[in-house]
Amino acid sequence: MKARVIVTLKPGILDPQGKAIEGALKSLDIFGVDSVRQGKVFELELGIADRAKADALLKQACEKLLANLVIENYRIEVLD
């Protein structure tokens, strides 16, 4: 089973890397992008066939390691 975890900053958290990307786009004459927020994507291959167990494992991985729950949100996509 394959899964994807998308981690993004919570609203209101400053994103200096996103601002730097935003500025770089403008310096490359790429206009029309109002704002940029950066995040992380993790692609995982699981040795578990049971969907409920996979969901529990992924949630545990996010809450213990992949996301800083104080400043980040995460979303799990199981790709089967």
PDB file of N, CA and C in Angstrom:
ATOM      1  N   MET A   1       0.855  -1.164   0.000  1.00  0.00           N
ATOM      2  CA  MET A   1       0.000   0.000   0.000  1.00  0.00           C
ATOM      3  C   MET A   1       0.905   1.233   0.000  1.00  0.00           C
ATOM      4  N   LYS A   2       0.522   2.238  -0.768  1.00  0.00           N
ATOM      5  CA  LYS A   2       1.278   3.486  -0.827  1.00  0.00           C
ATOM      6  C   LYS A   2       0.446   4.605  -0.220  1.00  0.00           C
ATOM      7  N   ALA A   3       1.152   5.571   0.345  1.00  0.00           N
ATOM      8  CA  ALA A   3       0.466   6.714   0.948  1.00  0.00           C
ATOM      9  C   ALA A   3       1.280   7.975   0.708  1.00  0.00           C
ATOM     10  N   ARG A   4       0.602   9.084   0.762  1.00  0.00           N
ATOM     11  CA  ARG A   4       1.241  10.390   0.645  1.00  0.00           C
ATOM     12  C   ARG A   4       0.788  11.221   1.845  1.00  0.00           C
ATOM     13  N   VAL A   5       1.738  11.898   2.466  1.00  0.00           N
ATOM     14  CA  VAL A   5       1.441  12.802   3.569  1.00  0.00           C
ATOM     15  C   VAL A   5       1.862  14.196   3.131  1.00  0.00           C
ATOM     16  N   ILE A   6       0.926  15.138   3.189  1.00  0.00           N
ATOM     17  CA  ILE A   6       1.196  16.526   2.831  1.00  0.00           C
ATOM     18  C   ILE A   6       1.175  17.344   4.116  1.00  0.00           C
ATOM     19  N   VAL A   7       2.278  18.033   4.380  1.00  0.00           N
ATOM     20  CA  VAL A   7       2.422  18.837   5.589  1.00  0.00           C
ATOM     21  C   VAL A   7       2.519  20.298   5.171  1.00  0.00           C
ATOM     22  N   THR A   8       1.664  21.144   5.743  1.00  0.00           N
ATOM     23  CA  THR A   8       1.672  22.573   5.432  1.00  0.00           C
ATOM     24  C   THR A   8       1.643  23.386   6.714  1.00  0.00           C
ATOM     25  N   LEU A   9       2.115  24.616   6.605  1.00  0.00           N
ATOM     26  CA  LEU A   9       2.072  25.510   7.757  1.00  0.00           C
ATOM     27  C   LEU A   9       0.631  25.911   8.051  1.00  0.00           C
ATOM     28  N   LYS A  10       0.324  26.053   9.322  1.00  0.00           N
ATOM     29  CA  LYS A  10      -1.011  26.512   9.718  1.00  0.00           C
ATOM     30  C   LYS A  10      -1.186  27.969   9.286  1.00  0.00           C
ATOM     31  N   PRO A  11      -2.435  28.372   9.037  1.00  0.00           N
ATOM     32  CA  PRO A  11      -2.690  29.772   8.700  1.00  0.00           C
ATOM     33  C   PRO A  11      -2.160  30.684   9.812  1.00  0.00           C
ATOM     34  N   GLY A  12      -1.586  31.790   9.419  1.00  0.00           N
ATOM     35  CA  GLY A  12      -1.077  32.756  10.389  1.00  0.00           C
ATOM     36  C   GLY A  12       0.370  32.533  10.778  1.00  0.00           C
ATOM     37  N   ILE A  13       0.943  31.395  10.428  1.00  0.00           N
ATOM     38  CA  ILE A  13       2.351  31.126  10.715  1.00  0.00           C
ATOM     39  C   ILE A  13       3.188  31.757   9.599  1.00  0.00           C
ATOM     40  N   LEU A  14       4.187  32.544   9.980  1.00  0.00           N
ATOM     41  CA  LEU A  14       5.044  33.181   8.986  1.00  0.00           C
ATOM     42  C   LEU A  14       5.780  32.129   8.169  1.00  0.00           C
ATOM     43  N   ASP A  15       5.935  32.404   6.866  1.00  0.00           N
ATOM     44  CA  ASP A  15       6.569  31.460   5.954  1.00  0.00           C
ATOM     45  C   ASP A  15       7.654  32.183   5.156  1.00  0.00           C
ATOM     46  N   PRO A  16       8.848  32.351   5.736  1.00  0.00           N
ATOM     47  CA  PRO A  16       9.903  33.080   5.035  1.00  0.00           C
ATOM     48  C   PRO A  16      10.338  32.399   3.738  1.00  0.00           C
ATOM     49  N   GLN A  17      10.318  31.076   3.689  1.00  0.00           N
ATOM     50  CA  GLN A  17      10.690  30.390   2.456  1.00  0.00           C
ATOM     51  C   GLN A  17       9.657  30.654   1.365  1.00  0.00           C
ATOM     52  N   GLY A  18       8.388  30.652   1.724  1.00  0.00           N
ATOM     53  CA  GLY A  18       7.343  30.975   0.760  1.00  0.00           C
ATOM     54  C   GLY A  18       7.497  32.387   0.231  1.00  0.00           C
ATOM     55  N   LYS A  19       7.826  33.338   1.124  1.00  0.00           N
ATOM     56  CA  LYS A  19       8.039  34.734   0.695  1.00  0.00           C
ATOM     57  C   LYS A  19       9.230  34.833  -0.248  1.00  0.00           C
ATOM     58  N   ALA A  20      10.302  34.064   0.032  1.00  0.00           N
ATOM     59  CA  ALA A  20      11.481  34.077  -0.836  1.00  0.00           C
ATOM     60  C   ALA A  20      11.134  33.536  -2.226  1.00  0.00           C
ATOM     61  N   ILE A  21      10.334  32.483  -2.275  1.00  0.00           N
ATOM     62  CA  ILE A  21       9.907  31.922  -3.560  1.00  0.00           C
ATOM     63  C   ILE A  21       9.041  32.932  -4.304  1.00  0.00           C
ATOM     64  N   GLU A  22       8.150  33.572  -3.581  1.00  0.00           N
ATOM     65  CA  GLU A  22       7.293  34.604  -4.172  1.00  0.00           C
ATOM     66  C   GLU A  22       8.137  35.698  -4.811  1.00  0.00           C
ATOM     67  N   GLY A  23       9.158  36.185  -4.085  1.00  0.00           N
ATOM     68  CA  GLY A  23      10.045  37.214  -4.618  1.00  0.00           C
ATOM     69  C   GLY A  23      10.840  36.721  -5.818  1.00  0.00           C
ATOM     70  N   ALA A  24      11.292  35.463  -5.769  1.00  0.00           N
ATOM     71  CA  ALA A  24      12.054  34.900  -6.886  1.00  0.00           C
ATOM     72  C   ALA A  24      11.199  34.803  -8.149  1.00  0.00           C
ATOM     73  N   LEU A  25       9.942  34.433  -7.997  1.00  0.00           N
ATOM     74  CA  LEU A  25       9.049  34.371  -9.154  1.00  0.00           C
ATOM     75  C   LEU A  25       8.932  35.733  -9.819  1.00  0.00           C
ATOM     76  N   LYS A  26       8.767  36.773  -9.005  1.00  0.00           N
ATOM     77  CA  LYS A  26       8.662  38.133  -9.553  1.00  0.00           C
ATOM     78  C   LYS A  26       9.955  38.543 -10.242  1.00  0.00           C
ATOM     79  N   SER A  27      11.102  38.179  -9.655  1.00  0.00           N
ATOM     80  CA  SER A  27      12.381  38.541 -10.275  1.00  0.00           C
ATOM     81  C   SER A  27      12.597  37.795 -11.588  1.00  0.00           C
ATOM     82  N   LEU A  28      11.904  36.686 -11.785  1.00  0.00           N
ATOM     83  CA  LEU A  28      11.964  35.927 -13.037  1.00  0.00           C
ATOM     84  C   LEU A  28      10.859  36.348 -14.006  1.00  0.00           C
ATOM     85  N   ASP A  29      10.220  37.472 -13.711  1.00  0.00           N
ATOM     86  CA  ASP A  29       9.128  38.011 -14.532  1.00  0.00           C
ATOM     87  C   ASP A  29       7.943  37.050 -14.635  1.00  0.00           C
ATOM     88  N   ILE A  30       7.689  36.335 -13.554  1.00  0.00           N
ATOM     89  CA  ILE A  30       6.508  35.473 -13.468  1.00  0.00           C
ATOM     90  C   ILE A  30       5.534  36.180 -12.536  1.00  0.00           C
ATOM     91  N   PHE A  31       4.537  36.818 -13.128  1.00  0.00           N
ATOM     92  CA  PHE A  31       3.602  37.636 -12.368  1.00  0.00           C
ATOM     93  C   PHE A  31       2.235  36.966 -12.308  1.00  0.00           C
ATOM     94  N   GLY A  32       1.424  37.380 -11.353  1.00  0.00           N
ATOM     95  CA  GLY A  32       0.085  36.826 -11.199  1.00  0.00           C
ATOM     96  C   GLY A  32      -0.027  35.890 -10.005  1.00  0.00           C
ATOM     97  N   VAL A  33       1.093  35.566  -9.366  1.00  0.00           N
ATOM     98  CA  VAL A  33       1.073  34.737  -8.161  1.00  0.00           C
ATOM     99  C   VAL A  33       0.968  35.686  -6.973  1.00  0.00           C
ATOM    100  N   ASP A  34      -0.134  35.645  -6.262  1.00  0.00           N
ATOM    101  CA  ASP A  34      -0.359  36.569  -5.155  1.00  0.00           C
ATOM    102  C   ASP A  34       0.403  36.186  -3.896  1.00  0.00           C
ATOM    103  N   SER A  35       0.528  34.896  -3.618  1.00  0.00           N
ATOM    104  CA  SER A  35       1.287  34.468  -2.448  1.00  0.00           C
ATOM    105  C   SER A  35       1.714  33.020  -2.622  1.00  0.00           C
ATOM    106  N   VAL A  36       2.760  32.644  -1.880  1.00  0.00           N
ATOM    107  CA  VAL A  36       3.281  31.279  -1.914  1.00  0.00           C
ATOM    108  C   VAL A  36       3.430  30.793  -0.480  1.00  0.00           C
ATOM    109  N   ARG A  37       2.975  29.587  -0.212  1.00  0.00           N
ATOM    110  CA  ARG A  37       3.190  28.914   1.078  1.00  0.00           C
ATOM    111  C   ARG A  37       3.874  27.588   0.751  1.00  0.00           C
ATOM    112  N   GLN A  38       4.987  27.326   1.356  1.00  0.00           N
ATOM    113  CA  GLN A  38       5.705  26.088   1.082  1.00  0.00           C
ATOM    114  C   GLN A  38       5.297  25.016   2.065  1.00  0.00           C
ATOM    115  N   GLY A  39       5.539  23.783   1.690  1.00  0.00           N
ATOM    116  CA  GLY A  39       5.215  22.651   2.552  1.00  0.00           C
ATOM    117  C   GLY A  39       6.117  21.473   2.243  1.00  0.00           C
ATOM    118  N   LYS A  40       5.728  20.310   2.739  1.00  0.00           N
ATOM    119  CA  LYS A  40       6.504  19.089   2.529  1.00  0.00           C
ATOM    120  C   LYS A  40       5.559  17.984   2.074  1.00  0.00           C
ATOM    121  N   VAL A  41       6.082  17.094   1.235  1.00  0.00           N
ATOM    122  CA  VAL A  41       5.335  15.922   0.792  1.00  0.00           C
ATOM    123  C   VAL A  41       6.186  14.695   1.086  1.00  0.00           C
ATOM    124  N   PHE A  42       5.589  13.714   1.742  1.00  0.00           N
ATOM    125  CA  PHE A  42       6.248  12.444   2.032  1.00  0.00           C
ATOM    126  C   PHE A  42       5.487  11.350   1.306  1.00  0.00           C
ATOM    127  N   GLU A  43       6.189  10.509   0.564  1.00  0.00           N
ATOM    128  CA  GLU A  43       5.573   9.353  -0.073  1.00  0.00           C
ATOM    129  C   GLU A  43       6.092   8.116   0.639  1.00  0.00           C
ATOM    130  N   LEU A  44       5.175   7.304   1.133  1.00  0.00           N
ATOM    131  CA  LEU A  44       5.529   6.143   1.939  1.00  0.00           C
ATOM    132  C   LEU A  44       4.972   4.877   1.307  1.00  0.00           C
ATOM    133  N   GLU A  45       5.736   3.806   1.374  1.00  0.00           N
ATOM    134  CA  GLU A  45       5.259   2.486   0.990  1.00  0.00           C
ATOM    135  C   GLU A  45       5.106   1.684   2.268  1.00  0.00           C
ATOM    136  N   LEU A  46       3.933   1.141   2.463  1.00  0.00           N
ATOM    137  CA  LEU A  46       3.611   0.423   3.698  1.00  0.00           C
ATOM    138  C   LEU A  46       3.511  -1.069   3.442  1.00  0.00           C
ATOM    139  N   GLY A  47       3.959  -1.847   4.400  1.00  0.00           N
ATOM    140  CA  GLY A  47       3.831  -3.294   4.329  1.00  0.00           C
ATOM    141  C   GLY A  47       2.593  -3.776   5.058  1.00  0.00           C
ATOM    142  N   ILE A  48       1.546  -2.990   4.972  1.00  0.00           N
ATOM    143  CA  ILE A  48       0.291  -3.284   5.672  1.00  0.00           C
ATOM    144  C   ILE A  48      -0.837  -3.289   4.647  1.00  0.00           C
ATOM    145  N   ALA A  49      -1.663  -4.306   4.666  1.00  0.00           N
ATOM    146  CA  ALA A  49      -2.784  -4.380   3.728  1.00  0.00           C
ATOM    147  C   ALA A  49      -4.079  -3.839   4.340  1.00  0.00           C
ATOM    148  N   ASP A  50      -4.164  -3.817   5.653  1.00  0.00           N
ATOM    149  CA  ASP A  50      -5.374  -3.374   6.350  1.00  0.00           C
ATOM    150  C   ASP A  50      -5.428  -1.849   6.379  1.00  0.00           C
ATOM    151  N   ARG A  51      -6.485  -1.287   5.815  1.00  0.00           N
ATOM    152  CA  ARG A  51      -6.612   0.168   5.692  1.00  0.00           C
ATOM    153  C   ARG A  51      -6.660   0.853   7.058  1.00  0.00           C
ATOM    154  N   ALA A  52      -7.385   0.315   8.004  1.00  0.00           N
ATOM    155  CA  ALA A  52      -7.502   0.928   9.329  1.00  0.00           C
ATOM    156  C   ALA A  52      -6.147   0.948  10.038  1.00  0.00           C
ATOM    157  N   LYS A  53      -5.398  -0.133   9.919  1.00  0.00           N
ATOM    158  CA  LYS A  53      -4.068  -0.177  10.533  1.00  0.00           C
ATOM    159  C   LYS A  53      -3.122   0.801   9.849  1.00  0.00           C
ATOM    160  N   ALA A  54      -3.233   0.901   8.533  1.00  0.00           N
ATOM    161  CA  ALA A  54      -2.403   1.849   7.787  1.00  0.00           C
ATOM    162  C   ALA A  54      -2.711   3.273   8.213  1.00  0.00           C
ATOM    163  N   ASP A  55      -3.991   3.610   8.326  1.00  0.00           N
ATOM    164  CA  ASP A  55      -4.381   4.952   8.763  1.00  0.00           C
ATOM    165  C   ASP A  55      -3.819   5.267  10.142  1.00  0.00           C
ATOM    166  N   ALA A  56      -3.907   4.308  11.066  1.00  0.00           N
ATOM    167  CA  ALA A  56      -3.399   4.509  12.425  1.00  0.00           C
ATOM    168  C   ALA A  56      -1.880   4.694  12.420  1.00  0.00           C
ATOM    169  N   LEU A  57      -1.186   3.891  11.626  1.00  0.00           N
ATOM    170  CA  LEU A  57       0.270   3.997  11.519  1.00  0.00           C
ATOM    171  C   LEU A  57       0.681   5.354  10.961  1.00  0.00           C
ATOM    172  N   LEU A  58       0.001   5.798   9.907  1.00  0.00           N
ATOM    173  CA  LEU A  58       0.326   7.081   9.280  1.00  0.00           C
ATOM    174  C   LEU A  58       0.047   8.246  10.219  1.00  0.00           C
ATOM    175  N   LYS A  59      -1.054   8.189  10.934  1.00  0.00           N
ATOM    176  CA  LYS A  59      -1.375   9.243  11.898  1.00  0.00           C
ATOM    177  C   LYS A  59      -0.302   9.314  12.976  1.00  0.00           C
ATOM    178  N   GLN A  60       0.127   8.167  13.462  1.00  0.00           N
ATOM    179  CA  GLN A  60       1.170   8.116  14.481  1.00  0.00           C
ATOM    180  C   GLN A  60       2.483   8.695  13.936  1.00  0.00           C
ATOM    181  N   ALA A  61       2.832   8.348  12.706  1.00  0.00           N
ATOM    182  CA  ALA A  61       4.059   8.869  12.098  1.00  0.00           C
ATOM    183  C   ALA A  61       3.997  10.387  11.960  1.00  0.00           C
ATOM    184  N   CYS A  62       2.848  10.905  11.568  1.00  0.00           N
ATOM    185  CA  CYS A  62       2.686  12.351  11.422  1.00  0.00           C
ATOM    186  C   CYS A  62       2.805  13.060  12.760  1.00  0.00           C
ATOM    187  N   GLU A  63       2.130  12.537  13.747  1.00  0.00           N
ATOM    188  CA  GLU A  63       2.072  13.221  15.036  1.00  0.00           C
ATOM    189  C   GLU A  63       3.365  13.095  15.839  1.00  0.00           C
ATOM    190  N   LYS A  64       4.163  12.060  15.552  1.00  0.00           N
ATOM    191  CA  LYS A  64       5.412  11.875  16.300  1.00  0.00           C
ATOM    192  C   LYS A  64       6.636  12.405  15.571  1.00  0.00           C
ATOM    193  N   LEU A  65       6.571  12.505  14.212  1.00  0.00           N
ATOM    194  CA  LEU A  65       7.778  12.864  13.479  1.00  0.00           C
ATOM    195  C   LEU A  65       7.558  13.788  12.286  1.00  0.00           C
ATOM    196  N   LEU A  66       6.634  13.461  11.415  1.00  0.00           N
ATOM    197  CA  LEU A  66       6.553  14.145  10.134  1.00  0.00           C
ATOM    198  C   LEU A  66       6.046  15.580  10.212  1.00  0.00           C
ATOM    199  N   ALA A  67       5.204  15.885  11.180  1.00  0.00           N
ATOM    200  CA  ALA A  67       4.638  17.231  11.295  1.00  0.00           C
ATOM    201  C   ALA A  67       4.878  17.789  12.693  1.00  0.00           C
ATOM    202  N   ASN A  68       5.144  19.078  12.746  1.00  0.00           N
ATOM    203  CA  ASN A  68       5.216  19.794  14.021  1.00  0.00           C
ATOM    204  C   ASN A  68       3.818  20.340  14.273  1.00  0.00           C
ATOM    205  N   LEU A  69       3.066  19.686  15.117  1.00  0.00           N
ATOM    206  CA  LEU A  69       1.650  20.008  15.287  1.00  0.00           C
ATOM    207  C   LEU A  69       1.396  21.396  15.862  1.00  0.00           C
ATOM    208  N   VAL A  70       2.404  22.025  16.413  1.00  0.00           N
ATOM    209  CA  VAL A  70       2.240  23.383  16.924  1.00  0.00           C
ATOM    210  C   VAL A  70       2.064  24.368  15.768  1.00  0.00           C
ATOM    211  N   ILE A  71       2.803  24.150  14.664  1.00  0.00           N
ATOM    212  CA  ILE A  71       2.772  25.116  13.564  1.00  0.00           C
ATOM    213  C   ILE A  71       2.345  24.521  12.224  1.00  0.00           C
ATOM    214  N   GLU A  72       2.139  23.201  12.168  1.00  0.00           N
ATOM    215  CA  GLU A  72       1.832  22.565  10.886  1.00  0.00           C
ATOM    216  C   GLU A  72       0.560  21.715  10.962  1.00  0.00           C
ATOM    217  N   ASN A  73      -0.108  21.629   9.815  1.00  0.00           N
ATOM    218  CA  ASN A  73      -1.219  20.708   9.604  1.00  0.00           C
ATOM    219  C   ASN A  73      -0.727  19.596   8.684  1.00  0.00           C
ATOM    220  N   TYR A  74      -1.402  18.450   8.706  1.00  0.00           N
ATOM    221  CA  TYR A  74      -1.055  17.389   7.760  1.00  0.00           C
ATOM    222  C   TYR A  74      -2.324  16.785   7.182  1.00  0.00           C
ATOM    223  N   ARG A  75      -2.129  16.215   6.004  1.00  0.00           N
ATOM    224  CA  ARG A  75      -3.229  15.512   5.318  1.00  0.00           C
ATOM    225  C   ARG A  75      -2.666  14.191   4.799  1.00  0.00           C
ATOM    226  N   ILE A  76      -3.393  13.117   4.993  1.00  0.00           N
ATOM    227  CA  ILE A  76      -2.962  11.781   4.581  1.00  0.00           C
ATOM    228  C   ILE A  76      -3.805  11.341   3.385  1.00  0.00           C
ATOM    229  N   GLU A  77      -3.117  10.847   2.348  1.00  0.00           N
ATOM    230  CA  GLU A  77      -3.797  10.268   1.196  1.00  0.00           C
ATOM    231  C   GLU A  77      -3.288   8.838   1.035  1.00  0.00           C
ATOM    232  N   VAL A  78      -4.166   7.866   1.151  1.00  0.00           N
ATOM    233  CA  VAL A  78      -3.785   6.482   0.918  1.00  0.00           C
ATOM    234  C   VAL A  78      -4.045   6.203  -0.560  1.00  0.00           C
ATOM    235  N   LEU A  79      -2.997   5.750  -1.256  1.00  0.00           N
ATOM    236  CA  LEU A  79      -3.074   5.595  -2.699  1.00  0.00           C
ATOM    237  C   LEU A  79      -3.404   4.179  -3.150  1.00  0.00           C
ATOM    238  N   ASP A  80      -3.446   3.242  -2.242  1.00  0.00           N
ATOM    239  CA  ASP A  80      -3.726   1.810  -2.497  1.00  0.00           C
ATOM    240  C   ASP A  80      -2.793   1.288  -3.512  1.00  0.00           C
TER     241      ASP A  80
END
